[in-house]
């Protein structure tokens, strides 16, 4: 027997006590737990625990001989089969984990989505200040213009908008409901297809940020910072744009 066989079994995932018990039983043949524990030089309790684990792995079986319970190590070829099964499970789990990377990132303490909420008179200035600080090269907006014109003071909007260097934003696209009263230079407009249902307010996606705005009652702005969520929202925007703006 190679001197490092116990270590080899441990390297493939067995506990040291399992390796000892498996090899001891393999040498003894069908045996009682007392004999196995003595051969492996472990306590009877440790032997029972190792045998239970080995049975779960399919590497040891038991039978009754009269009133005595006898344990038998499975053929060594079973170890190879066991490892192949574990490898398949690992590959499947790894694939599942890879698909959940985005969700796991959101759960991790260092990059949880940061959320800020502004209400009333500070809402619009806070939104445009955040947009100015982000300095995005592209911005995508979904807006119910009827809500904007009905509930927001156009003068306040124009004052707040001055915080942003709009000429630095290379791509500006807006999906909208309602008619455009004040067409902004450099903005691509597209009326949102009716199939997407009713909505009220405004959603903006820029850089790693998503801003959600409602105007009915009093203005409320929610700014969420998360690359993963922003990327997802951009993909949804592009899908809606492609569907609504067919040429």
C-alpha atoms as a PDB file:
ATOM      1  CA  UNK A   1       0.000   0.000   0.000  1.00  0.00           C
ATOM      2  CA  UNK A   2       1.450   3.418  -0.915  1.00  0.00           C
ATOM      3  CA  UNK A   3       2.421   5.360   2.161  1.00  0.00           C
ATOM      4  CA  UNK A   4       0.445   8.432   1.118  1.00  0.00           C
ATOM      5  CA  UNK A   5      -2.862   6.693   0.327  1.00  0.00           C
ATOM      6  CA  UNK A   6      -4.551   8.196   3.416  1.00  0.00           C
ATOM      7  CA  UNK A   7      -3.480  11.668   2.360  1.00  0.00           C
ATOM      8  CA  UNK A   8      -4.693  10.981  -1.171  1.00  0.00           C
ATOM      9  CA  UNK A   9      -8.149  10.056   0.102  1.00  0.00           C
ATOM     10  CA  UNK A  10      -8.167  13.168   2.274  1.00  0.00           C
ATOM     11  CA  UNK A  11      -7.178  15.288  -0.724  1.00  0.00           C
ATOM     12  CA  UNK A  12     -10.210  14.091  -2.664  1.00  0.00           C
ATOM     13  CA  UNK A  13     -12.601  15.186   0.091  1.00  0.00           C
ATOM     14  CA  UNK A  14     -12.669  12.485   2.781  1.00  0.00           C
ATOM     15  CA  UNK A  15     -12.045  13.451   6.383  1.00  0.00           C
ATOM     16  CA  UNK A  16      -8.896  11.928   7.955  1.00  0.00           C
ATOM     17  CA  UNK A  17     -11.091   9.700  10.136  1.00  0.00           C
ATOM     18  CA  UNK A  18     -13.001   8.529   7.062  1.00  0.00           C
ATOM     19  CA  UNK A  19      -9.767   7.640   5.276  1.00  0.00           C
ATOM     20  CA  UNK A  20      -8.585   5.608   8.260  1.00  0.00           C
ATOM     21  CA  UNK A  21     -11.897   3.781   8.614  1.00  0.00           C
ATOM     22  CA  UNK A  22     -12.253   3.069   4.898  1.00  0.00           C
ATOM     23  CA  UNK A  23      -8.749   1.625   4.602  1.00  0.00           C
ATOM     24  CA  UNK A  24      -9.023  -0.336   7.847  1.00  0.00           C
ATOM     25  CA  UNK A  25     -12.295  -1.934   6.732  1.00  0.00           C
ATOM     26  CA  UNK A  26     -10.886  -2.580   3.262  1.00  0.00           C
ATOM     27  CA  UNK A  27      -8.040  -4.580   4.852  1.00  0.00           C
ATOM     28  CA  UNK A  28     -10.207  -6.394   7.399  1.00  0.00           C
ATOM     29  CA  UNK A  29     -13.097  -7.224   5.108  1.00  0.00           C
ATOM     30  CA  UNK A  30     -16.611  -7.324   6.623  1.00  0.00           C
ATOM     31  CA  UNK A  31     -16.135  -6.432  10.306  1.00  0.00           C
ATOM     32  CA  UNK A  32     -17.811  -5.067  13.414  1.00  0.00           C
ATOM     33  CA  UNK A  33     -17.295  -1.465  14.425  1.00  0.00           C
ATOM     34  CA  UNK A  34     -15.174  -2.603  17.395  1.00  0.00           C
ATOM     35  CA  UNK A  35     -12.662  -4.342  15.146  1.00  0.00           C
ATOM     36  CA  UNK A  36     -12.643  -1.499  12.658  1.00  0.00           C
ATOM     37  CA  UNK A  37     -12.062   1.126  15.351  1.00  0.00           C
ATOM     38  CA  UNK A  38      -9.191  -0.894  16.816  1.00  0.00           C
ATOM     39  CA  UNK A  39      -7.588  -1.434  13.406  1.00  0.00           C
ATOM     40  CA  UNK A  40      -7.904   2.271  12.516  1.00  0.00           C
ATOM     41  CA  UNK A  41      -6.737   3.326  15.991  1.00  0.00           C
ATOM     42  CA  UNK A  42      -9.729   5.617  16.586  1.00  0.00           C
ATOM     43  CA  UNK A  43     -12.436   5.685  19.242  1.00  0.00           C
ATOM     44  CA  UNK A  44     -15.639   3.758  18.687  1.00  0.00           C
ATOM     45  CA  UNK A  45     -17.580   7.047  18.564  1.00  0.00           C
ATOM     46  CA  UNK A  46     -15.267   8.429  15.881  1.00  0.00           C
ATOM     47  CA  UNK A  47     -15.601   5.165  13.963  1.00  0.00           C
ATOM     48  CA  UNK A  48     -19.411   5.355  13.983  1.00  0.00           C
ATOM     49  CA  UNK A  49     -19.322   8.980  12.796  1.00  0.00           C
ATOM     50  CA  UNK A  50     -16.869   8.156   9.980  1.00  0.00           C
ATOM     51  CA  UNK A  51     -18.873   5.098   8.913  1.00  0.00           C
ATOM     52  CA  UNK A  52     -22.048   7.186   8.726  1.00  0.00           C
ATOM     53  CA  UNK A  53     -20.298   9.716   6.450  1.00  0.00           C
ATOM     54  CA  UNK A  54     -18.821   6.969   4.274  1.00  0.00           C
ATOM     55  CA  UNK A  55     -22.235   5.364   3.885  1.00  0.00           C
ATOM     56  CA  UNK A  56     -23.689   8.684   2.736  1.00  0.00           C
ATOM     57  CA  UNK A  57     -20.910   8.882   0.141  1.00  0.00           C
ATOM     58  CA  UNK A  58     -21.709   5.351  -1.009  1.00  0.00           C
ATOM     59  CA  UNK A  59     -18.253   4.098   0.023  1.00  0.00           C
ATOM     60  CA  UNK A  60     -19.358   1.749   2.806  1.00  0.00           C
ATOM     61  CA  UNK A  61     -22.286  -0.614   3.348  1.00  0.00           C
ATOM     62  CA  UNK A  62     -23.657  -2.604   6.264  1.00  0.00           C
ATOM     63  CA  UNK A  63     -25.423  -5.890   6.814  1.00  0.00           C
ATOM     64  CA  UNK A  64     -26.565  -8.059   9.705  1.00  0.00           C
ATOM     65  CA  UNK A  65     -24.738 -11.262  10.622  1.00  0.00           C
ATOM     66  CA  UNK A  66     -26.930 -12.836  13.246  1.00  0.00           C
ATOM     67  CA  UNK A  67     -27.310 -10.112  15.885  1.00  0.00           C
ATOM     68  CA  UNK A  68     -24.148  -8.296  14.886  1.00  0.00           C
ATOM     69  CA  UNK A  69     -23.960  -5.385  12.465  1.00  0.00           C
ATOM     70  CA  UNK A  70     -21.192  -5.821   9.945  1.00  0.00           C
ATOM     71  CA  UNK A  71     -19.622  -3.043   7.897  1.00  0.00           C
ATOM     72  CA  UNK A  72     -17.916  -3.429   4.511  1.00  0.00           C
ATOM     73  CA  UNK A  73     -15.848  -0.980   2.423  1.00  0.00           C
ATOM     74  CA  UNK A  74     -17.072  -0.735  -1.145  1.00  0.00           C
ATOM     75  CA  UNK A  75     -14.755  -1.673  -4.014  1.00  0.00           C
ATOM     76  CA  UNK A  76     -12.055   1.004  -4.581  1.00  0.00           C
ATOM     77  CA  UNK A  77     -13.497   1.615  -8.062  1.00  0.00           C
ATOM     78  CA  UNK A  78     -16.448   3.150  -6.235  1.00  0.00           C
ATOM     79  CA  UNK A  79     -14.147   6.016  -5.160  1.00  0.00           C
ATOM     80  CA  UNK A  80     -13.616   6.936  -8.802  1.00  0.00           C
ATOM     81  CA  UNK A  81     -17.370   6.854  -9.433  1.00  0.00           C
ATOM     82  CA  UNK A  82     -17.945   8.952  -6.325  1.00  0.00           C
ATOM     83  CA  UNK A  83     -15.415  11.564  -7.487  1.00  0.00           C
ATOM     84  CA  UNK A  84     -17.007  11.748 -10.937  1.00  0.00           C
ATOM     85  CA  UNK A  85     -20.422  12.289  -9.346  1.00  0.00           C
ATOM     86  CA  UNK A  86     -19.014  15.039  -7.121  1.00  0.00           C
ATOM     87  CA  UNK A  87     -17.320  16.635 -10.121  1.00  0.00           C
ATOM     88  CA  UNK A  88     -20.644  16.754 -11.990  1.00  0.00           C
ATOM     89  CA  UNK A  89     -22.378  18.271  -8.964  1.00  0.00           C
ATOM     90  CA  UNK A  90     -19.618  20.853  -8.647  1.00  0.00           C
ATOM     91  CA  UNK A  91     -19.844  21.775 -12.337  1.00  0.00           C
ATOM     92  CA  UNK A  92     -23.609  22.195 -12.048  1.00  0.00           C
ATOM     93  CA  UNK A  93     -23.280  24.292  -8.890  1.00  0.00           C
ATOM     94  CA  UNK A  94     -20.558  26.414 -10.473  1.00  0.00           C
ATOM     95  CA  UNK A  95     -22.814  27.096 -13.450  1.00  0.00           C
ATOM     96  CA  UNK A  96     -25.650  28.149 -11.118  1.00  0.00           C
ATOM     97  CA  UNK A  97     -23.307  30.427  -9.167  1.00  0.00           C
ATOM     98  CA  UNK A  98     -22.045  32.067 -12.371  1.00  0.00           C
ATOM     99  CA  UNK A  99     -25.635  32.860 -13.348  1.00  0.00           C
ATOM    100  CA  UNK A 100     -26.215  34.443  -9.936  1.00  0.00           C
ATOM    101  CA  UNK A 101     -23.086  36.633  -9.892  1.00  0.00           C
ATOM    102  CA  UNK A 102     -25.094  39.783 -10.409  1.00  0.00           C
ATOM    103  CA  UNK A 103     -27.412  38.939  -7.507  1.00  0.00           C
ATOM    104  CA  UNK A 104     -24.495  38.034  -5.281  1.00  0.00           C
ATOM    105  CA  UNK A 105     -22.814  41.357  -6.063  1.00  0.00           C
ATOM    106  CA  UNK A 106     -25.940  43.154  -4.940  1.00  0.00           C
ATOM    107  CA  UNK A 107     -25.902  41.177  -1.678  1.00  0.00           C
ATOM    108  CA  UNK A 108     -22.270  41.888  -0.877  1.00  0.00           C
ATOM    109  CA  UNK A 109     -21.687  44.510   1.773  1.00  0.00           C
ATOM    110  CA  UNK A 110     -19.199  46.573  -0.204  1.00  0.00           C
ATOM    111  CA  UNK A 111     -21.406  47.260  -3.202  1.00  0.00           C
ATOM    112  CA  UNK A 112     -24.956  47.280  -1.935  1.00  0.00           C
ATOM    113  CA  UNK A 113     -27.127  49.614  -3.986  1.00  0.00           C
ATOM    114  CA  UNK A 114     -26.992  53.069  -2.402  1.00  0.00           C
ATOM    115  CA  UNK A 115     -30.407  54.736  -2.262  1.00  0.00           C
ATOM    116  CA  UNK A 116     -31.189  58.406  -1.608  1.00  0.00           C
ATOM    117  CA  UNK A 117     -34.659  59.952  -1.403  1.00  0.00           C
ATOM    118  CA  UNK A 118     -35.498  63.635  -1.886  1.00  0.00           C
ATOM    119  CA  UNK A 119     -38.912  65.267  -1.524  1.00  0.00           C
ATOM    120  CA  UNK A 120     -40.548  68.573  -2.158  1.00  0.00           C
ATOM    121  CA  UNK A 121     -38.554  71.586  -3.309  1.00  0.00           C
ATOM    122  CA  UNK A 122     -35.194  69.826  -2.966  1.00  0.00           C
ATOM    123  CA  UNK A 123     -36.182  66.924  -5.240  1.00  0.00           C
ATOM    124  CA  UNK A 124     -35.498  68.386  -8.700  1.00  0.00           C
ATOM    125  CA  UNK A 125     -32.280  70.275  -7.780  1.00  0.00           C
ATOM    126  CA  UNK A 126     -30.959  67.090  -6.127  1.00  0.00           C
ATOM    127  CA  UNK A 127     -31.682  65.069  -9.276  1.00  0.00           C
ATOM    128  CA  UNK A 128     -29.915  67.510 -11.617  1.00  0.00           C
ATOM    129  CA  UNK A 129     -26.988  67.948  -9.185  1.00  0.00           C
ATOM    130  CA  UNK A 130     -26.518  64.169  -9.105  1.00  0.00           C
ATOM    131  CA  UNK A 131     -26.685  64.028 -12.890  1.00  0.00           C
ATOM    132  CA  UNK A 132     -24.053  66.782 -13.141  1.00  0.00           C
ATOM    133  CA  UNK A 133     -21.735  64.943 -10.723  1.00  0.00           C
ATOM    134  CA  UNK A 134     -22.111  61.640 -12.595  1.00  0.00           C
ATOM    135  CA  UNK A 135     -20.972  63.234 -15.897  1.00  0.00           C
ATOM    136  CA  UNK A 136     -22.382  60.385 -18.035  1.00  0.00           C
ATOM    137  CA  UNK A 137     -21.699  60.122 -21.747  1.00  0.00           C
ATOM    138  CA  UNK A 138     -25.188  58.691 -22.314  1.00  0.00           C
ATOM    139  CA  UNK A 139     -28.572  59.187 -20.709  1.00  0.00           C
ATOM    140  CA  UNK A 140     -31.835  57.323 -21.249  1.00  0.00           C
ATOM    141  CA  UNK A 141     -35.158  58.633 -19.983  1.00  0.00           C
ATOM    142  CA  UNK A 142     -38.719  57.324 -19.835  1.00  0.00           C
ATOM    143  CA  UNK A 143     -41.167  60.101 -19.068  1.00  0.00           C
ATOM    144  CA  UNK A 144     -44.866  60.814 -18.841  1.00  0.00           C
ATOM    145  CA  UNK A 145     -44.741  64.358 -20.219  1.00  0.00           C
ATOM    146  CA  UNK A 146     -48.359  65.033 -19.299  1.00  0.00           C
ATOM    147  CA  UNK A 147     -47.377  64.557 -15.645  1.00  0.00           C
ATOM    148  CA  UNK A 148     -44.319  66.781 -16.064  1.00  0.00           C
ATOM    149  CA  UNK A 149     -46.265  69.666 -17.611  1.00  0.00           C
ATOM    150  CA  UNK A 150     -49.209  69.307 -15.243  1.00  0.00           C
ATOM    151  CA  UNK A 151     -47.375  69.083 -11.935  1.00  0.00           C
ATOM    152  CA  UNK A 152     -43.976  70.787 -12.347  1.00  0.00           C
ATOM    153  CA  UNK A 153     -43.168  74.444 -12.735  1.00  0.00           C
ATOM    154  CA  UNK A 154     -41.373  74.847 -16.071  1.00  0.00           C
ATOM    155  CA  UNK A 155     -39.289  77.721 -14.682  1.00  0.00           C
ATOM    156  CA  UNK A 156     -38.044  75.527 -11.825  1.00  0.00           C
ATOM    157  CA  UNK A 157     -37.100  72.842 -14.315  1.00  0.00           C
ATOM    158  CA  UNK A 158     -35.109  75.265 -16.454  1.00  0.00           C
ATOM    159  CA  UNK A 159     -33.260  76.685 -13.418  1.00  0.00           C
ATOM    160  CA  UNK A 160     -32.374  73.209 -12.120  1.00  0.00           C
ATOM    161  CA  UNK A 161     -31.289  71.983 -15.567  1.00  0.00           C
ATOM    162  CA  UNK A 162     -28.548  74.632 -15.738  1.00  0.00           C
ATOM    163  CA  UNK A 163     -26.441  72.529 -13.336  1.00  0.00           C
ATOM    164  CA  UNK A 164     -25.805  69.974 -16.104  1.00  0.00           C
ATOM    165  CA  UNK A 165     -23.368  70.345 -19.013  1.00  0.00           C
ATOM    166  CA  UNK A 166     -25.715  68.803 -21.581  1.00  0.00           C
ATOM    167  CA  UNK A 167     -23.265  69.094 -24.478  1.00  0.00           C
ATOM    168  CA  UNK A 168     -20.995  66.561 -22.714  1.00  0.00           C
ATOM    169  CA  UNK A 169     -23.709  63.896 -22.879  1.00  0.00           C
ATOM    170  CA  UNK A 170     -23.230  62.355 -26.314  1.00  0.00           C
ATOM    171  CA  UNK A 171     -26.373  60.196 -26.362  1.00  0.00           C
ATOM    172  CA  UNK A 172     -29.713  61.501 -25.096  1.00  0.00           C
ATOM    173  CA  UNK A 173     -32.796  59.381 -25.703  1.00  0.00           C
ATOM    174  CA  UNK A 174     -36.315  59.789 -24.354  1.00  0.00           C
ATOM    175  CA  UNK A 175     -39.242  57.387 -24.516  1.00  0.00           C
ATOM    176  CA  UNK A 176     -42.326  59.428 -23.695  1.00  0.00           C
ATOM    177  CA  UNK A 177     -46.062  59.479 -23.208  1.00  0.00           C
ATOM    178  CA  UNK A 178     -47.890  62.707 -24.005  1.00  0.00           C
ATOM    179  CA  UNK A 179     -47.002  65.445 -26.457  1.00  0.00           C
ATOM    180  CA  UNK A 180     -43.670  67.266 -26.497  1.00  0.00           C
ATOM    181  CA  UNK A 181     -44.164  70.976 -25.826  1.00  0.00           C
ATOM    182  CA  UNK A 182     -40.548  72.008 -25.432  1.00  0.00           C
ATOM    183  CA  UNK A 183     -38.260  70.010 -27.690  1.00  0.00           C
ATOM    184  CA  UNK A 184     -34.691  69.875 -26.338  1.00  0.00           C
ATOM    185  CA  UNK A 185     -31.808  70.114 -28.754  1.00  0.00           C
ATOM    186  CA  UNK A 186     -29.736  66.953 -29.147  1.00  0.00           C
ATOM    187  CA  UNK A 187     -32.418  64.655 -27.714  1.00  0.00           C
ATOM    188  CA  UNK A 188     -33.792  61.683 -29.687  1.00  0.00           C
ATOM    189  CA  UNK A 189     -37.502  61.352 -28.957  1.00  0.00           C
ATOM    190  CA  UNK A 190     -39.722  58.337 -29.403  1.00  0.00           C
ATOM    191  CA  UNK A 191     -43.316  57.826 -28.260  1.00  0.00           C
ATOM    192  CA  UNK A 192     -43.545  54.772 -26.005  1.00  0.00           C
ATOM    193  CA  UNK A 193     -45.636  51.999 -27.497  1.00  0.00           C
ATOM    194  CA  UNK A 194     -49.025  51.607 -25.806  1.00  0.00           C
ATOM    195  CA  UNK A 195     -48.309  47.896 -25.203  1.00  0.00           C
ATOM    196  CA  UNK A 196     -46.050  48.848 -22.284  1.00  0.00           C
ATOM    197  CA  UNK A 197     -49.044  50.035 -20.254  1.00  0.00           C
ATOM    198  CA  UNK A 198     -49.766  53.127 -18.189  1.00  0.00           C
ATOM    199  CA  UNK A 199     -47.222  54.779 -15.927  1.00  0.00           C
ATOM    200  CA  UNK A 200     -46.757  58.080 -14.163  1.00  0.00           C
ATOM    201  CA  UNK A 201     -43.532  59.921 -13.479  1.00  0.00           C
ATOM    202  CA  UNK A 202     -40.073  59.697 -14.945  1.00  0.00           C
ATOM    203  CA  UNK A 203     -37.189  57.204 -14.983  1.00  0.00           C
ATOM    204  CA  UNK A 204     -33.636  58.201 -15.941  1.00  0.00           C
ATOM    205  CA  UNK A 205     -30.674  55.854 -16.456  1.00  0.00           C
ATOM    206  CA  UNK A 206     -27.179  57.335 -16.600  1.00  0.00           C
ATOM    207  CA  UNK A 207     -23.801  55.887 -15.635  1.00  0.00           C
ATOM    208  CA  UNK A 208     -24.325  53.679 -12.583  1.00  0.00           C
ATOM    209  CA  UNK A 209     -27.470  55.523 -11.526  1.00  0.00           C
ATOM    210  CA  UNK A 210     -31.218  55.172 -11.880  1.00  0.00           C
ATOM    211  CA  UNK A 211     -33.436  58.089 -10.876  1.00  0.00           C
ATOM    212  CA  UNK A 212     -37.134  57.498 -10.260  1.00  0.00           C
ATOM    213  CA  UNK A 213     -39.397  60.565 -10.073  1.00  0.00           C
ATOM    214  CA  UNK A 214     -43.050  61.112  -9.293  1.00  0.00           C
ATOM    215  CA  UNK A 215     -44.729  64.497  -9.407  1.00  0.00           C
ATOM    216  CA  UNK A 216     -48.325  63.986  -8.310  1.00  0.00           C
ATOM    217  CA  UNK A 217     -48.943  65.483  -4.869  1.00  0.00           C
ATOM    218  CA  UNK A 218     -45.409  66.728  -4.382  1.00  0.00           C
ATOM    219  CA  UNK A 219     -42.189  65.821  -6.180  1.00  0.00           C
ATOM    220  CA  UNK A 220     -40.315  62.759  -4.959  1.00  0.00           C
ATOM    221  CA  UNK A 221     -36.967  61.675  -6.399  1.00  0.00           C
ATOM    222  CA  UNK A 222     -35.324  58.323  -5.585  1.00  0.00           C
ATOM    223  CA  UNK A 223     -31.719  57.945  -6.775  1.00  0.00           C
ATOM    224  CA  UNK A 224     -30.285  54.424  -6.755  1.00  0.00           C
ATOM    225  CA  UNK A 225     -26.609  53.738  -7.401  1.00  0.00           C
ATOM    226  CA  UNK A 226     -25.815  50.247  -8.687  1.00  0.00           C
ATOM    227  CA  UNK A 227     -23.966  49.266 -11.856  1.00  0.00           C
ATOM    228  CA  UNK A 228     -25.781  45.926 -12.026  1.00  0.00           C
ATOM    229  CA  UNK A 229     -29.236  47.499 -11.743  1.00  0.00           C
ATOM    230  CA  UNK A 230     -28.337  50.353 -14.134  1.00  0.00           C
ATOM    231  CA  UNK A 231     -27.086  47.843 -16.737  1.00  0.00           C
ATOM    232  CA  UNK A 232     -30.326  45.881 -16.391  1.00  0.00           C
ATOM    233  CA  UNK A 233     -32.450  49.008 -16.789  1.00  0.00           C
ATOM    234  CA  UNK A 234     -30.436  50.059 -19.858  1.00  0.00           C
ATOM    235  CA  UNK A 235     -31.110  46.676 -21.444  1.00  0.00           C
ATOM    236  CA  UNK A 236     -34.851  47.063 -20.764  1.00  0.00           C
ATOM    237  CA  UNK A 237     -34.812  50.599 -22.140  1.00  0.00           C
ATOM    238  CA  UNK A 238     -33.090  49.436 -25.335  1.00  0.00           C
ATOM    239  CA  UNK A 239     -35.678  46.681 -25.741  1.00  0.00           C
ATOM    240  CA  UNK A 240     -38.532  49.183 -25.361  1.00  0.00           C
ATOM    241  CA  UNK A 241     -36.796  51.649 -27.707  1.00  0.00           C
ATOM    242  CA  UNK A 242     -36.306  48.988 -30.395  1.00  0.00           C
ATOM    243  CA  UNK A 243     -39.960  47.961 -30.117  1.00  0.00           C
ATOM    244  CA  UNK A 244     -41.399  51.491 -30.075  1.00  0.00           C
ATOM    245  CA  UNK A 245     -39.087  53.210 -32.556  1.00  0.00           C
ATOM    246  CA  UNK A 246     -39.090  50.844 -35.520  1.00  0.00           C
ATOM    247  CA  UNK A 247     -38.285  52.620 -38.761  1.00  0.00           C
END
